[in-house]
Protein backbone atom coordinates (compact mmCIF):
# COMPACT_ATOMS: atom_id res chain seq x y z
CA UNK A 1 -0.15 -0.30 -0.08
CA UNK A 2 3.09 2.13 0.63
CA UNK A 3 4.43 1.76 -2.76
CA UNK A 4 1.53 2.57 -4.38
CA UNK A 5 0.87 5.33 -2.25
CA UNK A 6 4.59 6.99 -3.13
CA UNK A 7 3.99 7.02 -6.63
CA UNK A 8 0.80 8.74 -6.97
CA UNK A 9 2.26 11.29 -4.22
CA UNK A 10 4.95 11.70 -6.70
CA UNK A 11 3.07 11.95 -9.60
CA UNK A 12 0.74 14.88 -7.86
CA UNK A 13 3.76 16.69 -6.94
CA UNK A 14 5.39 16.79 -10.68
CA UNK A 15 1.73 17.80 -11.73
CA UNK A 16 2.08 20.74 -9.27
CA UNK A 17 5.17 21.66 -10.33
CA UNK A 18 4.21 21.40 -14.04
CA UNK A 19 1.19 24.01 -13.29
CA UNK A 20 3.80 26.13 -11.25
CA UNK A 21 6.15 26.59 -14.16
CA UNK A 22 3.02 26.99 -16.65
CA UNK A 23 1.66 29.73 -14.52
CA UNK A 24 4.95 31.75 -14.06
CA UNK A 25 5.95 31.65 -17.59
CA UNK A 26 2.39 33.63 -18.40
CA UNK A 27 3.39 37.22 -17.85
CA UNK A 28 -0.62 38.16 -17.05
CA UNK A 29 -0.46 35.64 -14.46
CA UNK A 30 2.43 36.73 -12.84
CA UNK A 31 0.54 40.35 -12.89
CA UNK A 32 -2.52 38.75 -11.43
CA UNK A 33 -0.79 36.87 -8.48
CA UNK A 34 1.68 39.88 -7.65
CA UNK A 35 -1.66 41.78 -7.39
CA UNK A 36 -3.92 38.87 -5.34
CA UNK A 37 -0.71 38.64 -3.20
CA UNK A 38 -0.54 42.62 -2.39
CA UNK A 39 -4.40 42.00 -1.64
CA UNK A 40 -4.14 39.16 0.58
CA UNK A 41 -1.13 40.82 2.73
CA UNK A 42 -3.28 43.94 2.95
CA UNK A 43 -6.02 42.33 4.31
CA UNK A 44 -3.98 39.99 6.71
CA UNK A 45 -1.75 43.24 7.84
CA UNK A 46 -4.66 45.72 7.89
CA UNK A 47 -4.52 46.71 11.73
CA UNK A 48 -0.28 47.07 11.20
CA UNK A 49 -0.99 48.91 7.58
CA UNK A 50 -3.82 51.35 8.59
CA UNK A 51 -2.37 54.50 9.53
CA UNK A 52 -6.10 55.49 11.29
CA UNK A 53 -9.07 53.84 12.74
CA UNK A 54 -11.43 52.84 9.37
CA UNK A 55 -14.44 54.07 11.96
CA UNK A 56 -13.31 56.76 14.03
CA UNK A 57 -15.55 60.03 12.20
CA UNK A 58 -13.88 63.61 12.17
CA UNK A 59 -16.59 66.10 11.37
CA UNK A 60 -14.34 68.89 10.99
CA UNK A 61 -12.46 67.69 8.76
CA UNK A 62 -15.01 65.97 6.00
CA UNK A 63 -14.68 65.42 2.26
CA UNK A 64 -10.64 66.47 2.88
CA UNK A 65 -8.88 65.98 -0.38
CA UNK A 66 -5.48 63.95 -0.63
CA UNK A 67 -2.95 65.32 1.90
CA UNK A 68 0.37 64.56 3.22
CA UNK A 69 -0.85 63.33 6.58
CA UNK A 70 -4.51 61.44 4.50
CA UNK A 71 -2.62 60.38 1.20
CA UNK A 72 -6.28 59.48 -0.28
CA UNK A 73 -8.15 62.49 1.69
CA UNK A 74 -11.05 62.04 4.04
CA UNK A 75 -14.95 60.68 3.14
CA UNK A 76 -18.40 62.50 4.23
CA UNK A 77 -17.89 61.59 7.76
CA UNK A 78 -13.96 62.66 8.34
CA UNK A 79 -12.80 59.10 8.07
CA UNK A 80 -9.62 58.60 6.16
CA UNK A 81 -10.18 56.93 2.95
CA UNK A 82 -7.10 54.86 2.63
CA UNK A 83 -7.65 53.25 5.97
CA UNK A 84 -10.97 52.27 5.22
CA UNK A 85 -9.92 50.93 2.01
CA UNK A 86 -6.88 48.80 3.73
CA UNK A 87 -9.66 47.07 5.94
CA UNK A 88 -12.02 46.74 3.03
CA UNK A 89 -9.74 44.48 1.54
CA UNK A 90 -9.88 42.04 4.24
CA UNK A 91 -13.86 42.18 3.95
CA UNK A 92 -13.14 41.52 0.20
CA UNK A 93 -11.06 38.81 0.62
CA UNK A 94 -13.76 37.54 3.49
CA UNK A 95 -16.55 37.65 0.91
CA UNK A 96 -14.39 35.72 -1.47
CA UNK A 97 -13.27 33.18 0.40
CA UNK A 98 -16.73 32.35 2.44
CA UNK A 99 -18.63 32.92 -1.08
CA UNK A 100 -16.08 30.20 -2.79
CA UNK A 101 -16.20 28.08 0.01
CA UNK A 102 -20.14 27.55 0.23
CA UNK A 103 -20.32 27.19 -3.86
CA UNK A 104 -17.74 24.23 -3.48
CA UNK A 105 -18.90 23.05 -0.66
CA UNK A 106 -22.10 21.95 -2.22
CA UNK A 107 -21.53 22.50 -5.55
CA UNK A 108 -18.41 19.97 -5.86
CA UNK A 109 -20.22 16.63 -4.03
CA UNK A 110 -23.34 17.46 -6.22
CA UNK A 111 -21.53 17.13 -9.74
CA UNK A 112 -19.68 14.05 -8.43
CA UNK A 113 -22.65 11.61 -7.18
CA UNK A 114 -24.32 13.05 -10.14
CA UNK A 115 -21.95 12.32 -12.49
CA UNK A 116 -20.96 9.12 -11.05
CA UNK A 117 -24.35 7.30 -10.50
CA UNK A 118 -26.23 8.57 -13.05
CA UNK A 119 -29.58 7.43 -13.33
CA UNK A 120 -32.89 9.36 -11.67
CA UNK A 121 -30.36 11.01 -9.13
CA UNK A 122 -28.53 12.72 -12.07
CA UNK A 123 -32.05 12.63 -13.73
CA UNK A 124 -33.63 15.14 -10.43
CA UNK A 125 -30.70 16.85 -9.38
CA UNK A 126 -29.60 18.41 -12.68
CA UNK A 127 -33.37 19.67 -13.58
CA UNK A 128 -33.11 21.24 -9.77
CA UNK A 129 -29.88 22.93 -11.57
CA UNK A 130 -31.68 24.09 -14.29
CA UNK A 131 -34.27 25.96 -11.81
CA UNK A 132 -31.65 27.67 -10.54
CA UNK A 133 -29.97 28.14 -13.70
CA UNK A 134 -33.36 29.97 -14.90
CA UNK A 135 -32.47 32.80 -12.62
CA UNK A 136 -30.54 35.96 -13.17
CA UNK A 137 -27.99 35.23 -10.51
CA UNK A 138 -27.65 39.17 -9.26
CA UNK A 139 -31.82 39.20 -9.51
CA UNK A 140 -31.68 35.89 -7.08
CA UNK A 141 -29.04 37.60 -4.40
CA UNK A 142 -31.33 40.85 -4.36
CA UNK A 143 -34.44 38.69 -3.97
CA UNK A 144 -33.28 36.53 -1.28
CA UNK A 145 -30.91 39.24 0.48
CA UNK A 146 -33.92 41.38 0.49
CA UNK A 147 -35.92 38.94 2.30
CA UNK A 148 -33.50 37.67 4.78
CA UNK A 149 -32.84 41.13 5.32
CA UNK A 150 -29.34 42.86 4.53
CA UNK A 151 -25.85 41.99 6.01
CA UNK A 152 -22.66 40.75 5.30
CA UNK A 153 -22.45 37.10 6.29
CA UNK A 154 -26.40 36.84 4.51
CA UNK A 155 -24.79 38.36 0.83
CA UNK A 156 -21.76 36.17 1.03
CA UNK A 157 -23.82 32.65 1.86
CA UNK A 158 -26.26 33.71 -0.87
CA UNK A 159 -23.49 34.86 -3.41
CA UNK A 160 -21.70 31.05 -2.72
CA UNK A 161 -25.09 29.52 -2.80
CA UNK A 162 -25.75 31.14 -6.88
CA UNK A 163 -22.44 29.35 -7.97
CA UNK A 164 -23.32 26.06 -7.01
CA UNK A 165 -24.94 25.35 -10.50
CA UNK A 166 -21.75 26.11 -12.44
CA UNK A 167 -19.32 23.98 -9.94
CA UNK A 168 -21.62 21.11 -9.92
CA UNK A 169 -21.83 21.20 -14.15
CA UNK A 170 -18.37 21.48 -14.25
CA UNK A 171 -17.33 18.56 -11.83
CA UNK A 172 -20.27 16.23 -13.08
CA UNK A 173 -19.18 16.85 -16.85
CA UNK A 174 -15.44 16.07 -15.87
CA UNK A 175 -16.77 12.81 -13.78
CA UNK A 176 -18.79 11.61 -16.81
CA UNK A 177 -15.30 11.78 -19.00
CA UNK A 178 -13.70 9.83 -16.34
CA UNK A 179 -16.10 6.87 -14.68
CA UNK A 180 -15.35 4.95 -17.25
CA UNK A 181 -10.97 5.40 -18.23
CA UNK A 182 -9.37 2.61 -17.88
CA UNK A 183 -7.60 3.10 -14.45
CA UNK A 184 -11.05 3.75 -12.51
CA UNK A 185 -12.32 0.32 -14.44
CA UNK A 186 -9.41 -1.28 -12.91
CA UNK A 187 -9.91 0.09 -9.50
CA UNK A 188 -13.45 -1.37 -9.71
CA UNK A 189 -11.98 -4.80 -10.88
CA UNK A 190 -9.72 -4.63 -7.88
CA UNK A 191 -12.94 -4.36 -5.79
CA UNK A 192 -12.28 -1.08 -4.70
CA UNK A 193 -15.71 0.43 -3.23
CA UNK A 194 -17.68 3.16 -5.00
CA UNK A 195 -16.31 6.03 -2.15
CA UNK A 196 -12.64 4.59 -2.66
CA UNK A 197 -13.32 4.93 -6.52
CA UNK A 198 -14.85 8.58 -6.11
CA UNK A 199 -12.40 9.79 -3.37
CA UNK A 200 -9.05 8.61 -4.67
CA UNK A 201 -9.40 8.03 -8.84
CA UNK A 202 -12.21 10.77 -9.62
CA UNK A 203 -12.19 13.34 -7.15
CA UNK A 204 -8.81 14.67 -7.25
CA UNK A 205 -8.51 14.72 -11.22
CA UNK A 206 -11.68 16.88 -11.08
CA UNK A 207 -10.45 19.59 -8.86
CA UNK A 208 -7.92 21.34 -11.51
CA UNK A 209 -11.36 22.86 -13.28
CA UNK A 210 -12.87 23.66 -9.80
CA UNK A 211 -9.73 25.40 -8.71
CA UNK A 212 -10.18 27.92 -11.60
CA UNK A 213 -13.36 28.34 -11.48
CA UNK A 214 -12.97 28.80 -8.15
CA UNK A 215 -10.43 31.59 -8.67
CA UNK A 216 -12.58 33.36 -11.76
CA UNK A 217 -15.50 33.21 -8.90
CA UNK A 218 -13.73 35.15 -6.33
CA UNK A 219 -13.63 38.13 -8.73
CA UNK A 220 -17.46 37.62 -9.54
CA UNK A 221 -18.10 37.15 -5.34
CA UNK A 222 -15.94 40.40 -4.79
CA UNK A 223 -17.96 42.52 -7.58
CA UNK A 224 -21.29 41.20 -6.70
CA UNK A 225 -20.65 41.93 -3.09
CA UNK A 226 -19.65 45.38 -4.28
CA UNK A 227 -22.81 45.62 -5.89
CA UNK A 228 -25.28 44.88 -3.03
CA UNK A 229 -22.77 47.15 -0.62
CA UNK A 230 -24.09 49.96 -3.36
CA UNK A 231 -27.71 49.07 -3.02
CA UNK A 232 -27.29 49.08 0.52
CA UNK A 233 -28.53 45.03 0.95
CA UNK A 234 -24.93 44.23 1.95
CA UNK A 235 -22.34 45.35 4.81
CA UNK A 236 -24.12 48.07 6.45
CA UNK A 237 -22.41 51.38 8.02
CA UNK A 238 -19.93 51.81 9.38
CA UNK A 239 -17.97 48.79 7.77
CA UNK A 240 -15.25 49.54 5.28
CA UNK A 241 -16.18 47.91 2.73
CA UNK A 242 -15.44 49.01 -0.81
CA UNK A 243 -19.45 49.00 -2.64
CA UNK A 244 -20.90 50.97 0.59
CA UNK A 245 -18.18 53.36 0.29
CA UNK A 246 -18.41 53.55 -3.49
CA UNK A 247 -22.12 54.35 -2.86
CA UNK A 248 -21.89 56.86 -0.13
CA UNK A 249 -19.24 58.91 -1.98
CA UNK A 250 -21.65 59.16 -5.43
CA UNK A 251 -23.69 61.91 -3.58
CA UNK A 252 -20.56 64.18 -3.61
CA UNK A 253 -18.98 63.14 -6.99
CA UNK A 254 -18.64 67.27 -8.07
CA UNK A 255 -17.53 68.38 -4.70
CA UNK A 256 -15.32 65.34 -3.92
CA UNK A 257 -14.52 62.68 -6.47
CA UNK A 258 -11.93 61.02 -4.54
CA UNK A 259 -14.47 59.27 -2.14
CA UNK A 260 -15.92 57.67 -4.69
CA UNK A 261 -12.66 57.31 -6.95
CA UNK A 262 -10.28 55.07 -4.63
CA UNK A 263 -13.00 52.84 -3.37
CA UNK A 264 -13.97 52.46 -7.02
CA UNK A 265 -10.26 51.64 -7.93
CA UNK A 266 -9.54 49.06 -5.29
CA UNK A 267 -12.50 47.13 -6.39
CA UNK A 268 -11.23 46.82 -10.48
CA UNK A 269 -7.83 46.15 -8.77
CA UNK A 270 -9.19 42.66 -7.10
CA UNK A 271 -11.16 41.80 -9.69
CA UNK A 272 -8.59 42.33 -12.25
CA UNK A 273 -6.17 40.41 -10.53
CA UNK A 274 -8.18 37.93 -9.36
CA UNK A 275 -9.58 36.90 -13.15
CA UNK A 276 -5.82 37.46 -14.78
CA UNK A 277 -4.64 35.11 -12.24
CA UNK A 278 -7.47 32.26 -13.09
CA UNK A 279 -6.84 32.81 -16.78
CA UNK A 280 -3.25 31.83 -16.13
CA UNK A 281 -4.28 28.71 -13.86
CA UNK A 282 -6.52 27.66 -16.58
CA UNK A 283 -3.86 28.00 -19.13
CA UNK A 284 -1.16 26.28 -17.05
CA UNK A 285 -3.87 23.64 -15.74
CA UNK A 286 -4.90 22.54 -19.29
CA UNK A 287 -2.34 24.01 -22.44
CA UNK A 288 -4.84 23.14 -25.35
CA UNK A 289 -7.32 26.29 -24.07
CA UNK A 290 -4.53 29.06 -24.37
CA UNK A 291 -5.77 31.31 -26.53
CA UNK A 292 -9.23 30.15 -26.35
CA UNK A 293 -11.79 32.51 -25.19
């Protein structure tokens, strides 16, 4: 058993090494990875990097433009915009990770079981997915958040649920292609149970597309949460969430455009970084997809 596990582990390590080499050769992917790493470092070290308290108002300095003390200026409550953007990075990363985690946790097992066993289970599960796919994601998110009430956690969970059909369909398609392969049939012939075949032979081979999809949907989750914050259905004041900051700053576009401009640039930076990284991962995992859009 130890001898069987060692070649499998070595193959996995070689595969990871190949993907990494393919990723670092892609300039746009390196740029995206760098942007994501900057975002992660800023979010993790927010208490250290933020020069001011992000929620403490200073009304006498409201709408102050960028200065040497406040590099990005102050908002309508006199709060330091740079500090709020730095703390907002932590919130955006949390939104992306939780939303993607919810989508994967529900969608991956759903797709594995549906594709592997087929039959009535596959038929019923796919019809349920069709019902979910019939609703535009943003409309479904707004509807559910409106019913449950505005809030960051409600938004993250609902955003994650709307991605379940995408994960499930991708995993199901990969599972259908893998379940009749020679090594899966050999494992069954040797007496391996369905659970062992799924976990040892099918699941590891469907995770490549899932990782790529998760990276791309992290950007989508951040953008959707910013949209909900802009509409007042996401994070509530005084939470320094980029979409909510953008929404409150629109009232002062003519007199203080910096209040909205910098949160908007932060959203652009994070979404662009994850999209570039996701495209690079896709090309590195499956070189046949390079250049296909």
